[in-house]
N, C-alpha and C. Protein backbone atom coordinates (compact mmCIF):
# COMPACT_ATOMS: atom_id res chain seq x y z
N MET A 1 -25.65 -12.96 21.74
CA MET A 1 -25.89 -13.34 20.36
C MET A 1 -24.56 -13.61 19.68
N ALA A 2 -24.50 -14.66 18.87
CA ALA A 2 -23.28 -15.01 18.16
C ALA A 2 -22.91 -13.90 17.17
N CYS A 3 -21.62 -13.78 16.93
CA CYS A 3 -21.09 -12.77 16.03
C CYS A 3 -20.37 -13.47 14.87
N HIS A 4 -20.80 -13.18 13.66
CA HIS A 4 -20.12 -13.65 12.46
C HIS A 4 -19.04 -12.63 12.12
N VAL A 5 -17.84 -13.11 11.87
CA VAL A 5 -16.74 -12.23 11.50
C VAL A 5 -16.24 -12.66 10.13
N LEU A 6 -16.20 -11.71 9.20
CA LEU A 6 -15.64 -11.95 7.88
C LEU A 6 -14.43 -11.05 7.70
N LEU A 7 -13.32 -11.63 7.30
CA LEU A 7 -12.13 -10.86 6.98
C LEU A 7 -11.84 -11.04 5.50
N GLU A 8 -11.75 -9.95 4.79
CA GLU A 8 -11.35 -9.99 3.39
C GLU A 8 -9.86 -9.67 3.35
N VAL A 9 -9.10 -10.58 2.72
CA VAL A 9 -7.64 -10.50 2.75
C VAL A 9 -7.09 -10.63 1.34
N THR A 10 -6.04 -9.87 1.05
CA THR A 10 -5.28 -10.03 -0.19
C THR A 10 -3.88 -10.50 0.18
N ILE A 11 -3.48 -11.62 -0.41
CA ILE A 11 -2.16 -12.18 -0.15
C ILE A 11 -1.12 -11.41 -0.97
N LYS A 12 -0.02 -11.04 -0.34
CA LYS A 12 1.06 -10.36 -1.06
C LYS A 12 1.75 -11.35 -2.01
N ASP A 13 2.28 -10.80 -3.10
CA ASP A 13 2.97 -11.63 -4.09
C ASP A 13 4.05 -12.47 -3.44
N GLY A 14 4.09 -13.74 -3.82
CA GLY A 14 5.12 -14.64 -3.34
C GLY A 14 4.89 -15.19 -1.95
N CYS A 15 3.76 -14.91 -1.34
CA CYS A 15 3.52 -15.31 0.05
C CYS A 15 2.44 -16.38 0.21
N HIS A 16 1.91 -16.91 -0.88
CA HIS A 16 0.80 -17.86 -0.79
C HIS A 16 1.14 -19.07 0.09
N ASP A 17 2.23 -19.75 -0.23
CA ASP A 17 2.58 -20.97 0.51
C ASP A 17 2.95 -20.66 1.95
N LYS A 18 3.69 -19.60 2.15
CA LYS A 18 4.11 -19.22 3.50
C LYS A 18 2.90 -18.87 4.37
N LEU A 19 1.94 -18.12 3.81
CA LEU A 19 0.75 -17.74 4.56
C LEU A 19 -0.10 -18.97 4.87
N ARG A 20 -0.26 -19.85 3.89
CA ARG A 20 -1.03 -21.08 4.11
C ARG A 20 -0.41 -21.90 5.24
N ASP A 21 0.92 -22.03 5.22
CA ASP A 21 1.61 -22.77 6.29
C ASP A 21 1.39 -22.12 7.65
N LYS A 22 1.40 -20.80 7.69
CA LYS A 22 1.19 -20.08 8.96
C LYS A 22 -0.23 -20.31 9.47
N PHE A 23 -1.21 -20.26 8.57
CA PHE A 23 -2.58 -20.53 8.99
C PHE A 23 -2.72 -21.96 9.51
N ILE A 24 -2.09 -22.92 8.84
CA ILE A 24 -2.13 -24.30 9.32
C ILE A 24 -1.55 -24.39 10.73
N GLU A 25 -0.52 -23.63 10.99
CA GLU A 25 0.13 -23.61 12.32
C GLU A 25 -0.76 -22.99 13.39
N VAL A 26 -1.41 -21.87 13.09
CA VAL A 26 -2.10 -21.11 14.14
C VAL A 26 -3.58 -21.43 14.31
N LEU A 27 -4.23 -21.98 13.28
CA LEU A 27 -5.67 -22.19 13.38
C LEU A 27 -6.11 -23.19 14.46
N PRO A 28 -5.33 -24.22 14.78
CA PRO A 28 -5.77 -25.07 15.89
C PRO A 28 -5.97 -24.30 17.20
N ASP A 29 -5.07 -23.35 17.49
CA ASP A 29 -5.24 -22.54 18.70
C ASP A 29 -6.44 -21.61 18.60
N THR A 30 -6.69 -21.12 17.40
CA THR A 30 -7.86 -20.26 17.19
C THR A 30 -9.13 -21.05 17.48
N ARG A 31 -9.20 -22.24 16.93
CA ARG A 31 -10.40 -23.07 17.09
C ARG A 31 -10.64 -23.46 18.55
N LYS A 32 -9.58 -23.50 19.35
CA LYS A 32 -9.70 -23.85 20.77
C LYS A 32 -9.92 -22.63 21.65
N PHE A 33 -9.78 -21.42 21.10
CA PHE A 33 -9.86 -20.21 21.89
C PHE A 33 -11.28 -20.01 22.43
N ASP A 34 -11.38 -19.53 23.65
CA ASP A 34 -12.67 -19.31 24.29
C ASP A 34 -13.59 -18.47 23.42
N GLY A 35 -14.75 -19.01 23.09
CA GLY A 35 -15.75 -18.28 22.33
C GLY A 35 -15.74 -18.55 20.84
N CYS A 36 -14.74 -19.27 20.33
CA CYS A 36 -14.70 -19.58 18.90
C CYS A 36 -15.56 -20.80 18.62
N PHE A 37 -16.58 -20.62 17.79
CA PHE A 37 -17.42 -21.74 17.38
C PHE A 37 -16.91 -22.38 16.09
N ASN A 38 -16.38 -21.54 15.17
CA ASN A 38 -15.95 -22.07 13.88
C ASN A 38 -15.09 -21.04 13.17
N ILE A 39 -14.15 -21.54 12.37
CA ILE A 39 -13.37 -20.68 11.47
C ILE A 39 -12.94 -21.51 10.28
N TYR A 40 -13.07 -20.93 9.11
CA TYR A 40 -12.52 -21.56 7.91
C TYR A 40 -12.13 -20.47 6.92
N ILE A 41 -11.26 -20.85 5.99
CA ILE A 41 -10.72 -19.88 5.05
C ILE A 41 -11.13 -20.28 3.64
N THR A 42 -11.66 -19.32 2.90
CA THR A 42 -12.06 -19.56 1.52
C THR A 42 -11.19 -18.73 0.59
N LYS A 43 -10.99 -19.26 -0.63
CA LYS A 43 -10.18 -18.58 -1.64
C LYS A 43 -11.06 -18.25 -2.83
N ASP A 44 -10.93 -17.04 -3.34
CA ASP A 44 -11.70 -16.58 -4.49
C ASP A 44 -11.35 -17.42 -5.72
N GLN A 45 -12.35 -17.93 -6.42
CA GLN A 45 -12.12 -18.76 -7.61
C GLN A 45 -11.53 -17.97 -8.76
N ASP A 46 -11.84 -16.68 -8.84
CA ASP A 46 -11.37 -15.86 -9.95
C ASP A 46 -10.06 -15.13 -9.65
N ASP A 47 -9.73 -14.96 -8.38
CA ASP A 47 -8.50 -14.28 -7.99
C ASP A 47 -7.94 -14.97 -6.75
N PRO A 48 -7.02 -15.94 -6.94
CA PRO A 48 -6.52 -16.73 -5.82
C PRO A 48 -5.70 -15.94 -4.79
N SER A 49 -5.44 -14.66 -5.06
CA SER A 49 -4.77 -13.85 -4.04
C SER A 49 -5.77 -13.29 -3.02
N LYS A 50 -7.05 -13.50 -3.27
CA LYS A 50 -8.11 -13.00 -2.38
C LYS A 50 -8.65 -14.13 -1.51
N LEU A 51 -8.67 -13.89 -0.21
CA LEU A 51 -9.23 -14.83 0.75
C LEU A 51 -10.37 -14.16 1.49
N VAL A 52 -11.32 -14.98 1.93
CA VAL A 52 -12.30 -14.53 2.89
C VAL A 52 -12.23 -15.52 4.05
N ILE A 53 -11.92 -15.01 5.22
CA ILE A 53 -11.86 -15.82 6.43
C ILE A 53 -13.22 -15.68 7.11
N VAL A 54 -13.87 -16.82 7.30
CA VAL A 54 -15.23 -16.86 7.82
C VAL A 54 -15.17 -17.42 9.24
N GLU A 55 -15.66 -16.64 10.20
CA GLU A 55 -15.57 -17.04 11.60
C GLU A 55 -16.92 -16.86 12.29
N LEU A 56 -17.15 -17.70 13.28
CA LEU A 56 -18.33 -17.55 14.13
C LEU A 56 -17.86 -17.58 15.58
N TRP A 57 -18.18 -16.51 16.30
CA TRP A 57 -17.76 -16.34 17.69
C TRP A 57 -18.98 -16.18 18.58
N GLU A 58 -18.80 -16.52 19.84
CA GLU A 58 -19.88 -16.37 20.82
C GLU A 58 -20.33 -14.91 20.90
N SER A 59 -19.37 -13.98 20.79
CA SER A 59 -19.69 -12.55 20.82
C SER A 59 -18.53 -11.79 20.19
N ARG A 60 -18.79 -10.53 19.87
CA ARG A 60 -17.71 -9.67 19.35
C ARG A 60 -16.63 -9.49 20.41
N GLN A 61 -17.02 -9.43 21.66
CA GLN A 61 -16.05 -9.28 22.74
C GLN A 61 -15.10 -10.48 22.80
N HIS A 62 -15.62 -11.67 22.58
CA HIS A 62 -14.75 -12.85 22.54
C HIS A 62 -13.74 -12.73 21.40
N TYR A 63 -14.21 -12.28 20.24
CA TYR A 63 -13.32 -12.12 19.10
C TYR A 63 -12.26 -11.05 19.39
N GLU A 64 -12.67 -9.94 19.97
CA GLU A 64 -11.73 -8.87 20.26
C GLU A 64 -10.67 -9.32 21.28
N LYS A 65 -11.07 -10.14 22.25
CA LYS A 65 -10.11 -10.70 23.20
C LYS A 65 -9.11 -11.60 22.47
N TYR A 66 -9.62 -12.41 21.56
CA TYR A 66 -8.76 -13.28 20.76
C TYR A 66 -7.79 -12.45 19.93
N LEU A 67 -8.29 -11.42 19.25
CA LEU A 67 -7.45 -10.58 18.40
C LEU A 67 -6.36 -9.88 19.22
N ALA A 68 -6.70 -9.43 20.41
CA ALA A 68 -5.70 -8.81 21.29
C ALA A 68 -4.62 -9.83 21.66
N TRP A 69 -5.02 -11.06 21.94
CA TRP A 69 -4.07 -12.13 22.27
C TRP A 69 -3.12 -12.38 21.10
N ARG A 70 -3.68 -12.49 19.89
CA ARG A 70 -2.85 -12.71 18.70
C ARG A 70 -1.88 -11.54 18.49
N THR A 71 -2.36 -10.33 18.73
CA THR A 71 -1.52 -9.14 18.56
C THR A 71 -0.38 -9.14 19.58
N GLU A 72 -0.69 -9.42 20.84
CA GLU A 72 0.33 -9.45 21.90
C GLU A 72 1.40 -10.49 21.61
N ARG A 73 1.03 -11.62 21.03
CA ARG A 73 1.97 -12.68 20.71
C ARG A 73 2.86 -12.34 19.52
N GLY A 74 2.47 -11.32 18.75
CA GLY A 74 3.21 -10.95 17.55
C GLY A 74 2.72 -11.64 16.29
N ASP A 75 1.67 -12.46 16.41
CA ASP A 75 1.16 -13.19 15.25
C ASP A 75 0.60 -12.25 14.18
N MET A 76 -0.05 -11.18 14.59
CA MET A 76 -0.64 -10.27 13.62
C MET A 76 0.44 -9.56 12.81
N GLU A 77 1.56 -9.28 13.43
CA GLU A 77 2.68 -8.65 12.71
C GLU A 77 3.24 -9.62 11.67
N VAL A 78 3.40 -10.89 12.06
CA VAL A 78 3.91 -11.90 11.13
C VAL A 78 2.94 -12.08 9.97
N LEU A 79 1.64 -12.21 10.27
CA LEU A 79 0.65 -12.36 9.21
C LEU A 79 0.60 -11.13 8.31
N GLY A 80 0.75 -9.96 8.91
CA GLY A 80 0.71 -8.71 8.16
C GLY A 80 1.83 -8.58 7.15
N GLU A 81 2.93 -9.30 7.36
CA GLU A 81 4.03 -9.28 6.40
C GLU A 81 3.68 -10.05 5.13
N MET A 82 2.64 -10.90 5.20
CA MET A 82 2.29 -11.76 4.07
C MET A 82 0.99 -11.35 3.38
N MET A 83 0.27 -10.39 3.96
CA MET A 83 -1.00 -9.99 3.36
C MET A 83 -1.23 -8.51 3.56
N GLU A 84 -2.07 -7.97 2.69
CA GLU A 84 -2.46 -6.57 2.82
C GLU A 84 -3.37 -6.44 4.04
N GLU A 85 -3.59 -5.22 4.47
CA GLU A 85 -4.47 -4.96 5.62
C GLU A 85 -5.85 -5.55 5.34
N PRO A 86 -6.32 -6.44 6.22
CA PRO A 86 -7.63 -7.04 5.99
C PRO A 86 -8.77 -6.04 6.23
N THR A 87 -9.90 -6.33 5.64
CA THR A 87 -11.12 -5.60 5.91
C THR A 87 -12.00 -6.49 6.78
N TRP A 88 -12.40 -5.97 7.94
CA TRP A 88 -13.24 -6.73 8.87
C TRP A 88 -14.70 -6.37 8.69
N HIS A 89 -15.54 -7.39 8.83
CA HIS A 89 -16.99 -7.20 8.88
C HIS A 89 -17.50 -8.00 10.07
N PHE A 90 -18.27 -7.34 10.94
CA PHE A 90 -18.89 -7.99 12.10
C PHE A 90 -20.38 -8.03 11.85
N LEU A 91 -20.94 -9.24 11.82
CA LEU A 91 -22.31 -9.41 11.37
C LEU A 91 -23.14 -10.17 12.41
N ASP A 92 -24.39 -9.76 12.53
CA ASP A 92 -25.36 -10.48 13.34
C ASP A 92 -26.32 -11.21 12.42
N SER A 93 -26.81 -12.34 12.89
CA SER A 93 -27.85 -13.04 12.13
C SER A 93 -29.10 -12.17 12.14
N TRP A 94 -29.77 -12.10 11.03
CA TRP A 94 -30.93 -11.23 10.90
C TRP A 94 -32.21 -11.97 11.27
N GLY A 95 -32.12 -13.26 11.50
CA GLY A 95 -33.26 -14.03 11.96
C GLY A 95 -34.29 -14.34 10.88
N VAL A 96 -33.86 -14.32 9.65
CA VAL A 96 -34.79 -14.61 8.55
C VAL A 96 -34.45 -15.96 7.96
């Protein structure tokens, strides 16, 4: 069953442009990663420092493999310098 992944992120002060540039750099590889069906980033209309990253993966295991790869490469450390610790949500379709 497909796994929806939502990450709630707060951008650190002064990091908006740098973080956006980093996402532009890394998202093509994310979209090509095994098991990734879709990913896009949304920005809160009332608080532009808040992002919600919306992802659809073949399974949670595929996402966890991807996250381990990003961590091993050091990408998560670089991203972590520009944003607060994200909150993850792993969701299944309820079939309604």
